[in-house]
Amino acid sequence: MVAFANGSGGHIYVGVNDDRTITGIKEEPFDLEEKLSSIIYDSISPIPNLFFQTTTLEDKVVFIVRVCSTNRAHLQGAKR
């Protein structure tokens, strides 16, 4: 996530394996968004610009995190 924010931005697909097999997510999208938001807030500074989205692929729910590129340096593990 930090690399995307410090680079050209990008997308993270939760529920899709590295070999592009679609497995879907097991938990409710809202719960996953809350969990990820908490982890991001606690571990990345400054907080990158993110957009969360769900979509259905092959009848399975996939959670997408869009990380926007910024002109600020983001650090993982930074204390607030």
N, C-alpha and C. Protein backbone atom coordinates (compact mmCIF):
# COMPACT_ATOMS: atom_id res chain seq x y z
N MET A 1 0.82 -1.16 0.00
CA MET A 1 0.00 0.00 0.00
C MET A 1 0.88 1.25 0.00
N VAL A 2 1.91 1.24 0.85
CA VAL A 2 2.83 2.38 0.91
C VAL A 2 3.55 2.55 -0.43
N ALA A 3 3.95 1.45 -1.04
CA ALA A 3 4.64 1.53 -2.33
C ALA A 3 3.72 2.14 -3.39
N PHE A 4 2.46 1.74 -3.41
CA PHE A 4 1.52 2.33 -4.36
C PHE A 4 1.35 3.82 -4.11
N ALA A 5 1.19 4.21 -2.84
CA ALA A 5 0.99 5.62 -2.50
C ALA A 5 2.22 6.45 -2.87
N ASN A 6 3.40 5.88 -2.69
CA ASN A 6 4.63 6.60 -3.01
C ASN A 6 4.99 6.52 -4.49
N GLY A 7 4.31 5.65 -5.22
CA GLY A 7 4.59 5.48 -6.65
C GLY A 7 3.47 6.04 -7.49
N SER A 8 2.99 5.24 -8.41
CA SER A 8 1.96 5.67 -9.36
C SER A 8 0.55 5.32 -8.93
N GLY A 9 0.38 4.82 -7.70
CA GLY A 9 -0.94 4.37 -7.26
C GLY A 9 -1.17 2.94 -7.74
N GLY A 10 -2.31 2.38 -7.36
CA GLY A 10 -2.61 1.02 -7.80
C GLY A 10 -3.83 0.46 -7.11
N HIS A 11 -4.13 -0.78 -7.40
CA HIS A 11 -5.30 -1.47 -6.85
C HIS A 11 -4.86 -2.74 -6.13
N ILE A 12 -5.50 -3.00 -5.01
CA ILE A 12 -5.29 -4.24 -4.27
C ILE A 12 -6.62 -4.99 -4.29
N TYR A 13 -6.60 -6.22 -4.76
CA TYR A 13 -7.80 -7.04 -4.86
C TYR A 13 -7.79 -8.08 -3.75
N VAL A 14 -8.72 -7.97 -2.82
CA VAL A 14 -8.85 -8.93 -1.74
C VAL A 14 -9.91 -9.94 -2.16
N GLY A 15 -9.54 -11.20 -2.20
CA GLY A 15 -10.44 -12.23 -2.68
C GLY A 15 -10.03 -12.74 -4.06
N VAL A 16 -8.81 -12.36 -4.48
CA VAL A 16 -8.23 -12.85 -5.74
C VAL A 16 -6.81 -13.29 -5.43
N ASN A 17 -6.49 -14.53 -5.74
CA ASN A 17 -5.15 -15.08 -5.48
C ASN A 17 -4.13 -14.54 -6.48
N ASP A 18 -2.85 -14.75 -6.20
CA ASP A 18 -1.78 -14.30 -7.09
C ASP A 18 -1.90 -14.92 -8.48
N ASP A 19 -2.44 -16.13 -8.56
CA ASP A 19 -2.61 -16.77 -9.87
C ASP A 19 -3.91 -16.35 -10.55
N ARG A 20 -4.56 -15.32 -9.99
CA ARG A 20 -5.80 -14.71 -10.48
C ARG A 20 -7.04 -15.58 -10.30
N THR A 21 -6.93 -16.62 -9.46
CA THR A 21 -8.09 -17.40 -9.09
C THR A 21 -8.96 -16.57 -8.16
N ILE A 22 -10.24 -16.47 -8.47
CA ILE A 22 -11.15 -15.67 -7.66
C ILE A 22 -11.73 -16.54 -6.56
N THR A 23 -11.41 -16.19 -5.32
CA THR A 23 -11.90 -16.94 -4.17
C THR A 23 -13.01 -16.20 -3.44
N GLY A 24 -13.06 -14.88 -3.59
CA GLY A 24 -14.04 -14.07 -2.88
C GLY A 24 -13.61 -13.84 -1.44
N ILE A 25 -14.31 -12.94 -0.77
CA ILE A 25 -14.02 -12.66 0.63
C ILE A 25 -14.99 -13.43 1.51
N LYS A 26 -14.53 -13.74 2.71
CA LYS A 26 -15.34 -14.54 3.63
C LYS A 26 -16.19 -13.68 4.57
N GLU A 27 -15.73 -12.44 4.83
CA GLU A 27 -16.45 -11.61 5.78
C GLU A 27 -17.25 -10.52 5.06
N GLU A 28 -18.07 -9.83 5.81
CA GLU A 28 -18.87 -8.75 5.26
C GLU A 28 -17.94 -7.62 4.79
N PRO A 29 -18.22 -7.02 3.63
CA PRO A 29 -17.36 -5.94 3.13
C PRO A 29 -17.19 -4.79 4.12
N PHE A 30 -18.26 -4.40 4.82
CA PHE A 30 -18.16 -3.30 5.77
C PHE A 30 -17.19 -3.65 6.90
N ASP A 31 -17.26 -4.88 7.40
CA ASP A 31 -16.35 -5.31 8.46
C ASP A 31 -14.89 -5.31 7.98
N LEU A 32 -14.68 -5.75 6.76
CA LEU A 32 -13.34 -5.76 6.19
C LEU A 32 -12.82 -4.33 6.02
N GLU A 33 -13.67 -3.44 5.56
CA GLU A 33 -13.27 -2.04 5.40
C GLU A 33 -12.89 -1.43 6.74
N GLU A 34 -13.67 -1.71 7.77
CA GLU A 34 -13.36 -1.19 9.11
C GLU A 34 -12.03 -1.73 9.62
N LYS A 35 -11.81 -3.02 9.42
CA LYS A 35 -10.56 -3.66 9.88
C LYS A 35 -9.35 -3.08 9.15
N LEU A 36 -9.45 -2.96 7.82
CA LEU A 36 -8.34 -2.41 7.04
C LEU A 36 -8.09 -0.95 7.39
N SER A 37 -9.15 -0.18 7.56
CA SER A 37 -9.01 1.24 7.91
C SER A 37 -8.26 1.39 9.23
N SER A 38 -8.58 0.56 10.19
CA SER A 38 -7.92 0.61 11.49
C SER A 38 -6.43 0.27 11.37
N ILE A 39 -6.12 -0.77 10.62
CA ILE A 39 -4.73 -1.17 10.42
C ILE A 39 -3.96 -0.06 9.70
N ILE A 40 -4.56 0.51 8.68
CA ILE A 40 -3.90 1.57 7.91
C ILE A 40 -3.66 2.79 8.80
N TYR A 41 -4.66 3.18 9.57
CA TYR A 41 -4.53 4.34 10.44
C TYR A 41 -3.41 4.15 11.47
N ASP A 42 -3.29 2.94 11.97
CA ASP A 42 -2.30 2.65 13.00
C ASP A 42 -0.89 2.44 12.46
N SER A 43 -0.73 2.20 11.16
CA SER A 43 0.58 1.79 10.68
C SER A 43 1.17 2.61 9.53
N ILE A 44 0.41 3.53 8.93
CA ILE A 44 0.93 4.31 7.81
C ILE A 44 0.74 5.79 8.11
N SER A 45 1.80 6.56 7.84
CA SER A 45 1.71 8.00 8.05
C SER A 45 2.42 8.72 6.91
N PRO A 46 1.83 9.77 6.36
CA PRO A 46 0.44 10.15 6.54
C PRO A 46 -0.47 9.11 5.88
N ILE A 47 -1.73 9.14 6.24
CA ILE A 47 -2.68 8.17 5.70
C ILE A 47 -2.85 8.43 4.21
N PRO A 48 -2.66 7.40 3.37
CA PRO A 48 -2.81 7.61 1.92
C PRO A 48 -4.27 7.80 1.54
N ASN A 49 -4.47 8.37 0.37
CA ASN A 49 -5.82 8.51 -0.17
C ASN A 49 -6.26 7.15 -0.71
N LEU A 50 -7.34 6.62 -0.14
CA LEU A 50 -7.83 5.29 -0.50
C LEU A 50 -9.30 5.34 -0.85
N PHE A 51 -9.70 4.44 -1.71
CA PHE A 51 -11.12 4.24 -2.01
C PHE A 51 -11.39 2.75 -1.92
N PHE A 52 -12.46 2.40 -1.23
CA PHE A 52 -12.85 1.00 -1.07
C PHE A 52 -14.06 0.73 -1.95
N GLN A 53 -14.07 -0.46 -2.54
CA GLN A 53 -15.16 -0.84 -3.44
C GLN A 53 -15.35 -2.35 -3.38
N THR A 54 -16.57 -2.79 -3.55
CA THR A 54 -16.82 -4.22 -3.70
C THR A 54 -17.40 -4.45 -5.08
N THR A 55 -17.12 -5.61 -5.61
CA THR A 55 -17.67 -6.00 -6.89
C THR A 55 -17.89 -7.51 -6.87
N THR A 56 -18.64 -8.01 -7.80
CA THR A 56 -18.88 -9.44 -7.90
C THR A 56 -18.22 -9.96 -9.17
N LEU A 57 -17.37 -10.96 -9.00
CA LEU A 57 -16.70 -11.63 -10.10
C LEU A 57 -16.93 -13.12 -9.95
N GLU A 58 -17.40 -13.75 -11.00
CA GLU A 58 -17.68 -15.20 -10.98
C GLU A 58 -18.56 -15.56 -9.77
N ASP A 59 -19.56 -14.74 -9.51
CA ASP A 59 -20.51 -14.94 -8.41
C ASP A 59 -19.87 -14.90 -7.03
N LYS A 60 -18.72 -14.26 -6.90
CA LYS A 60 -18.03 -14.12 -5.62
C LYS A 60 -17.76 -12.64 -5.38
N VAL A 61 -17.84 -12.24 -4.11
CA VAL A 61 -17.61 -10.85 -3.75
C VAL A 61 -16.11 -10.61 -3.59
N VAL A 62 -15.62 -9.59 -4.29
CA VAL A 62 -14.22 -9.20 -4.24
C VAL A 62 -14.16 -7.77 -3.71
N PHE A 63 -13.21 -7.52 -2.82
CA PHE A 63 -13.03 -6.22 -2.20
C PHE A 63 -11.83 -5.55 -2.84
N ILE A 64 -12.00 -4.33 -3.32
CA ILE A 64 -10.94 -3.62 -4.03
C ILE A 64 -10.54 -2.38 -3.24
N VAL A 65 -9.24 -2.23 -3.05
CA VAL A 65 -8.70 -1.01 -2.43
C VAL A 65 -7.94 -0.27 -3.52
N ARG A 66 -8.39 0.95 -3.83
CA ARG A 66 -7.67 1.78 -4.79
C ARG A 66 -6.80 2.74 -4.00
N VAL A 67 -5.51 2.68 -4.24
CA VAL A 67 -4.55 3.55 -3.56
C VAL A 67 -4.13 4.63 -4.55
N CYS A 68 -4.36 5.87 -4.17
CA CYS A 68 -4.03 7.00 -5.05
C CYS A 68 -2.59 7.45 -4.83
N SER A 69 -1.96 7.85 -5.90
CA SER A 69 -0.62 8.41 -5.83
C SER A 69 -0.70 9.83 -5.25
N THR A 70 0.29 10.19 -4.45
CA THR A 70 0.34 11.54 -3.91
C THR A 70 1.77 12.07 -4.05
N ASN A 71 1.94 13.34 -3.74
CA ASN A 71 3.28 13.92 -3.80
C ASN A 71 3.92 13.98 -2.41
N ARG A 72 3.32 13.27 -1.45
CA ARG A 72 3.86 13.20 -0.10
C ARG A 72 4.49 11.83 0.13
N ALA A 73 5.51 11.77 0.96
CA ALA A 73 6.15 10.49 1.27
C ALA A 73 5.36 9.80 2.39
N HIS A 74 4.95 8.57 2.15
CA HIS A 74 4.22 7.77 3.14
C HIS A 74 5.18 6.76 3.75
N LEU A 75 5.06 6.56 5.05
CA LEU A 75 5.95 5.64 5.76
C LEU A 75 5.12 4.60 6.50
N GLN A 76 5.56 3.35 6.43
CA GLN A 76 4.92 2.28 7.20
C GLN A 76 5.58 2.20 8.55
N GLY A 77 4.77 1.98 9.57
CA GLY A 77 5.29 1.84 10.91
C GLY A 77 5.56 3.17 11.60
N ALA A 78 5.16 4.26 10.95
CA ALA A 78 5.37 5.58 11.54
C ALA A 78 4.41 5.81 12.70
N LYS A 79 4.92 6.39 13.75
CA LYS A 79 4.08 6.71 14.93
C LYS A 79 3.41 8.05 14.73
N ARG A 80 2.20 8.15 15.22
CA ARG A 80 1.46 9.43 15.14
C ARG A 80 1.77 10.27 16.33
